[in-house]
N, C-alpha and C. Protein backbone atom coordinates (compact mmCIF):
# COMPACT_ATOMS: atom_id res chain seq x y z
N UNK A 1 -63.31 -79.32 -52.47
CA UNK A 1 -62.83 -79.63 -53.79
C UNK A 1 -62.82 -81.14 -53.97
N UNK A 2 -63.32 -81.59 -55.09
CA UNK A 2 -63.32 -83.00 -55.44
C UNK A 2 -61.94 -83.38 -55.94
N UNK A 3 -61.32 -84.37 -55.31
CA UNK A 3 -59.98 -84.78 -55.69
C UNK A 3 -60.03 -85.92 -56.69
N UNK A 4 -59.11 -85.92 -57.67
CA UNK A 4 -59.07 -87.04 -58.60
C UNK A 4 -58.67 -88.32 -57.88
N UNK A 5 -59.22 -89.44 -58.29
CA UNK A 5 -58.91 -90.73 -57.69
C UNK A 5 -57.62 -91.26 -58.32
N UNK A 6 -56.55 -91.29 -57.52
CA UNK A 6 -55.24 -91.69 -58.01
C UNK A 6 -55.26 -93.07 -58.67
N UNK A 7 -55.81 -94.06 -58.00
CA UNK A 7 -55.80 -95.41 -58.57
C UNK A 7 -56.63 -95.49 -59.85
N UNK A 8 -57.69 -94.74 -59.92
CA UNK A 8 -58.51 -94.74 -61.13
C UNK A 8 -57.74 -94.13 -62.31
N UNK A 9 -57.04 -93.03 -62.07
CA UNK A 9 -56.24 -92.40 -63.12
C UNK A 9 -55.12 -93.35 -63.55
N UNK A 10 -54.50 -94.00 -62.61
CA UNK A 10 -53.43 -94.94 -62.90
C UNK A 10 -53.96 -96.09 -63.78
N UNK A 11 -55.11 -96.64 -63.45
CA UNK A 11 -55.70 -97.73 -64.22
C UNK A 11 -56.09 -97.28 -65.62
N UNK A 12 -56.67 -96.11 -65.72
CA UNK A 12 -57.06 -95.58 -67.03
C UNK A 12 -55.84 -95.40 -67.92
N UNK A 13 -54.75 -94.90 -67.35
CA UNK A 13 -53.54 -94.66 -68.15
C UNK A 13 -52.97 -95.95 -68.72
N UNK A 14 -53.21 -97.07 -68.07
CA UNK A 14 -52.68 -98.35 -68.55
C UNK A 14 -53.42 -98.88 -69.77
N UNK A 15 -54.65 -98.43 -69.98
CA UNK A 15 -55.43 -98.93 -71.12
C UNK A 15 -55.79 -97.83 -72.13
N UNK A 16 -55.55 -96.59 -71.78
CA UNK A 16 -55.92 -95.48 -72.68
C UNK A 16 -55.06 -95.49 -73.94
N UNK A 17 -55.67 -95.19 -75.05
CA UNK A 17 -54.93 -95.10 -76.31
C UNK A 17 -54.65 -93.64 -76.68
N UNK A 18 -55.17 -92.73 -75.90
CA UNK A 18 -54.94 -91.29 -76.11
C UNK A 18 -54.41 -90.69 -74.81
N UNK A 19 -53.77 -89.53 -74.88
CA UNK A 19 -53.29 -88.87 -73.65
C UNK A 19 -54.45 -88.55 -72.71
N UNK A 20 -54.14 -88.52 -71.42
CA UNK A 20 -55.13 -88.25 -70.39
C UNK A 20 -54.96 -86.84 -69.86
N UNK A 21 -56.08 -86.21 -69.53
CA UNK A 21 -56.09 -84.89 -68.89
C UNK A 21 -56.96 -84.98 -67.64
N UNK A 22 -56.57 -84.23 -66.61
CA UNK A 22 -57.40 -84.12 -65.41
C UNK A 22 -57.93 -82.69 -65.37
N UNK A 23 -59.22 -82.56 -65.17
CA UNK A 23 -59.85 -81.24 -65.22
C UNK A 23 -60.43 -80.80 -63.89
N UNK A 24 -60.08 -81.47 -62.81
CA UNK A 24 -60.61 -81.05 -61.53
C UNK A 24 -59.74 -81.59 -60.41
N UNK A 25 -59.58 -80.79 -59.38
CA UNK A 25 -58.93 -81.26 -58.17
C UNK A 25 -57.42 -81.17 -58.13
N UNK A 26 -56.81 -80.61 -59.15
CA UNK A 26 -55.34 -80.53 -59.18
C UNK A 26 -54.87 -79.31 -58.42
N UNK A 27 -53.82 -79.54 -57.63
CA UNK A 27 -53.20 -78.45 -56.87
C UNK A 27 -51.70 -78.71 -56.79
N UNK A 28 -50.99 -77.76 -56.26
CA UNK A 28 -49.54 -77.92 -56.07
C UNK A 28 -49.26 -79.11 -55.16
N UNK A 29 -50.17 -79.44 -54.29
CA UNK A 29 -49.97 -80.54 -53.34
C UNK A 29 -50.09 -81.93 -53.95
N UNK A 30 -50.82 -82.05 -55.06
CA UNK A 30 -51.03 -83.40 -55.60
C UNK A 30 -50.60 -83.58 -57.06
N UNK A 31 -50.20 -82.53 -57.72
CA UNK A 31 -49.89 -82.64 -59.15
C UNK A 31 -48.76 -83.62 -59.44
N UNK A 32 -47.77 -83.69 -58.58
CA UNK A 32 -46.61 -84.55 -58.85
C UNK A 32 -46.98 -86.03 -58.91
N UNK A 33 -47.93 -86.46 -58.10
CA UNK A 33 -48.30 -87.88 -58.11
C UNK A 33 -48.99 -88.29 -59.40
N UNK A 34 -49.61 -87.32 -60.09
CA UNK A 34 -50.34 -87.64 -61.32
C UNK A 34 -49.49 -87.50 -62.58
N UNK A 35 -48.37 -86.80 -62.49
CA UNK A 35 -47.54 -86.53 -63.67
C UNK A 35 -47.17 -87.76 -64.49
N UNK A 36 -46.87 -88.91 -63.88
CA UNK A 36 -46.51 -90.07 -64.70
C UNK A 36 -47.67 -90.60 -65.57
N UNK A 37 -48.89 -90.23 -65.24
CA UNK A 37 -50.05 -90.81 -65.90
C UNK A 37 -50.87 -89.83 -66.73
N UNK A 38 -50.61 -88.55 -66.58
CA UNK A 38 -51.45 -87.52 -67.18
C UNK A 38 -50.60 -86.57 -68.01
N UNK A 39 -51.10 -86.21 -69.19
CA UNK A 39 -50.36 -85.26 -70.03
C UNK A 39 -50.79 -83.82 -69.77
N UNK A 40 -52.07 -83.60 -69.54
CA UNK A 40 -52.59 -82.23 -69.43
C UNK A 40 -53.34 -82.04 -68.12
N UNK A 41 -53.21 -80.85 -67.57
CA UNK A 41 -53.91 -80.47 -66.34
C UNK A 41 -54.69 -79.19 -66.61
N UNK A 42 -55.98 -79.19 -66.31
CA UNK A 42 -56.81 -78.00 -66.39
C UNK A 42 -57.09 -77.57 -64.97
N UNK A 43 -56.64 -76.40 -64.61
CA UNK A 43 -56.67 -75.98 -63.22
C UNK A 43 -57.40 -74.65 -63.09
N UNK A 44 -58.19 -74.52 -62.03
CA UNK A 44 -58.91 -73.28 -61.80
C UNK A 44 -58.82 -72.82 -60.36
N UNK A 45 -59.59 -73.46 -59.52
CA UNK A 45 -59.76 -72.94 -58.16
C UNK A 45 -58.49 -72.92 -57.33
N UNK A 46 -57.56 -73.85 -57.54
CA UNK A 46 -56.36 -73.86 -56.70
C UNK A 46 -55.39 -72.72 -57.04
N UNK A 47 -55.62 -72.04 -58.17
CA UNK A 47 -54.76 -70.90 -58.53
C UNK A 47 -55.54 -69.59 -58.59
N UNK A 48 -56.74 -69.61 -58.11
CA UNK A 48 -57.50 -68.38 -58.01
C UNK A 48 -58.77 -68.31 -58.83
N UNK A 49 -58.98 -69.20 -59.78
CA UNK A 49 -60.17 -69.30 -60.63
C UNK A 49 -60.41 -68.01 -61.42
N UNK A 50 -61.34 -67.15 -61.03
CA UNK A 50 -61.61 -65.93 -61.80
C UNK A 50 -60.54 -64.86 -61.60
N UNK A 51 -59.97 -64.79 -60.44
CA UNK A 51 -58.91 -63.83 -60.14
C UNK A 51 -57.62 -64.61 -59.90
N UNK A 52 -56.91 -64.90 -60.99
CA UNK A 52 -55.72 -65.73 -60.88
C UNK A 52 -54.68 -65.10 -59.98
N UNK A 53 -54.03 -65.94 -59.19
CA UNK A 53 -52.97 -65.51 -58.29
C UNK A 53 -51.66 -65.90 -58.96
N UNK A 54 -50.91 -64.91 -59.42
CA UNK A 54 -49.72 -65.14 -60.22
C UNK A 54 -48.74 -66.09 -59.54
N UNK A 55 -48.50 -65.91 -58.27
CA UNK A 55 -47.54 -66.76 -57.55
C UNK A 55 -47.97 -68.23 -57.57
N UNK A 56 -49.26 -68.48 -57.41
CA UNK A 56 -49.76 -69.86 -57.42
C UNK A 56 -49.66 -70.45 -58.83
N UNK A 57 -49.90 -69.63 -59.85
CA UNK A 57 -49.76 -70.09 -61.23
C UNK A 57 -48.32 -70.51 -61.51
N UNK A 58 -47.39 -69.69 -61.09
CA UNK A 58 -45.97 -69.97 -61.31
C UNK A 58 -45.55 -71.22 -60.54
N UNK A 59 -45.98 -71.34 -59.30
CA UNK A 59 -45.63 -72.47 -58.47
C UNK A 59 -46.15 -73.79 -59.08
N UNK A 60 -47.38 -73.76 -59.57
CA UNK A 60 -47.96 -74.96 -60.17
C UNK A 60 -47.26 -75.29 -61.50
N UNK A 61 -47.00 -74.28 -62.30
CA UNK A 61 -46.29 -74.50 -63.57
C UNK A 61 -44.94 -75.16 -63.32
N UNK A 62 -44.22 -74.67 -62.33
CA UNK A 62 -42.91 -75.24 -62.01
C UNK A 62 -43.02 -76.69 -61.55
N UNK A 63 -44.04 -77.00 -60.76
CA UNK A 63 -44.23 -78.38 -60.30
C UNK A 63 -44.56 -79.31 -61.47
N UNK A 64 -45.34 -78.83 -62.42
CA UNK A 64 -45.71 -79.64 -63.58
C UNK A 64 -44.50 -79.89 -64.47
N UNK A 65 -43.65 -78.91 -64.63
CA UNK A 65 -42.53 -79.01 -65.58
C UNK A 65 -41.21 -79.43 -64.97
N UNK A 66 -41.16 -79.83 -63.69
CA UNK A 66 -39.89 -80.30 -63.14
C UNK A 66 -39.56 -81.67 -63.61
């Protein structure tokens, strides 16, 4: 899985005039570090992609909204 570059997201957030979204590489393990800089997360493979795993969806939702 390709992980988002933390420093790149941080730099973009400092100059962006619109909200930022990350569309790849987000998981329960790294979502918290991006929350200060990103408004939206598009997630697939870490929660099951075509066959969503309910527990992983709930766990990630809770991490995003804490």
